[in-house]
Amino acid sequence: MRKTVRGRPDGKLLATAPVPNTGDWDTYLATPAVPVDALTGRDKLSLVFKSPQDNAFDVDAVQFSNP
């Protein structure tokens, strides 16, 4: 399973990262930061999660920062 970051759901791919299985619905895991290609101006970002199964995981929070 992977998560991707795009300018819009069907837009240019900006980054991708694995989503590891924690083994339990209520067991959360902080994943490493993933660099995102620089954008100019102000934009909206879309996180796109793809999995062959429904309800594959639970996202507690997403954090973006400027290095």
Protein backbone atom coordinates (compact mmCIF):
# COMPACT_ATOMS: atom_id res chain seq x y z
CA MET A 1 0.00 0.00 0.00
CA ARG A 2 1.28 3.48 -0.82
CA LYS A 3 0.20 7.05 -0.27
CA THR A 4 0.81 9.68 -2.92
CA VAL A 5 0.78 13.47 -2.82
CA ARG A 6 -0.66 15.36 -5.78
CA GLY A 7 -1.74 18.91 -6.55
CA ARG A 8 -5.21 17.41 -7.14
CA PRO A 9 -6.41 13.77 -7.11
CA ASP A 10 -5.70 13.32 -10.82
CA GLY A 11 -2.83 15.84 -11.00
CA LYS A 12 0.94 15.62 -11.18
CA LEU A 13 2.53 13.18 -8.74
CA LEU A 14 4.62 15.18 -6.24
CA ALA A 15 5.70 12.42 -3.84
CA THR A 16 4.98 8.84 -2.82
CA ALA A 17 5.55 6.89 0.39
CA PRO A 18 4.83 3.41 1.74
CA VAL A 19 2.09 2.86 4.33
CA PRO A 20 3.23 -0.06 6.50
CA ASN A 21 0.80 -2.44 8.17
CA THR A 22 0.81 -2.01 11.98
CA GLY A 23 -1.20 -5.18 12.58
CA ASP A 24 -4.03 -3.51 14.49
CA TRP A 25 -6.66 -0.88 13.69
CA ASP A 26 -5.80 1.18 16.80
CA THR A 27 -2.01 0.90 16.50
CA TYR A 28 -0.62 4.03 14.86
CA LEU A 29 2.81 4.53 13.34
CA ALA A 30 4.62 7.76 12.48
CA THR A 31 6.12 7.40 9.02
CA PRO A 32 9.30 9.18 7.90
CA ALA A 33 9.06 12.55 6.18
CA VAL A 34 8.91 12.45 2.40
CA PRO A 35 10.25 15.33 0.30
CA VAL A 36 7.61 16.93 -1.92
CA ASP A 37 8.54 18.66 -5.17
CA ALA A 38 8.49 22.45 -4.72
CA LEU A 39 5.45 24.33 -5.94
CA THR A 40 5.21 28.01 -6.77
CA GLY A 41 2.53 30.24 -5.32
CA ARG A 42 -0.27 28.91 -3.19
CA ASP A 43 -1.70 25.48 -3.96
CA LYS A 44 -3.95 22.80 -2.55
CA LEU A 45 -2.52 19.32 -2.06
CA SER A 46 -4.40 16.05 -2.27
CA LEU A 47 -3.36 12.85 -0.55
CA VAL A 48 -4.32 9.81 -2.60
CA PHE A 49 -4.37 6.41 -0.89
CA LYS A 50 -4.63 3.27 -3.00
CA SER A 51 -5.28 -0.21 -1.67
CA PRO A 52 -6.94 -3.31 -3.13
CA GLN A 53 -9.16 -3.57 -0.04
CA ASP A 54 -11.76 -1.26 1.53
CA ASN A 55 -10.98 0.39 4.88
CA ALA A 56 -7.33 -0.63 4.60
CA PHE A 57 -6.07 1.80 7.24
CA ASP A 58 -6.89 4.77 9.47
CA VAL A 59 -5.11 8.14 9.10
CA ASP A 60 -4.85 10.01 12.39
CA ALA A 61 -2.99 13.11 11.16
CA VAL A 62 -0.91 14.52 8.31
CA GLN A 63 1.69 17.24 8.86
CA PHE A 64 3.42 19.43 6.29
CA SER A 65 6.38 21.65 7.10
CA ASN A 66 8.75 23.94 5.25
CA PRO A 67 12.38 22.93 5.83
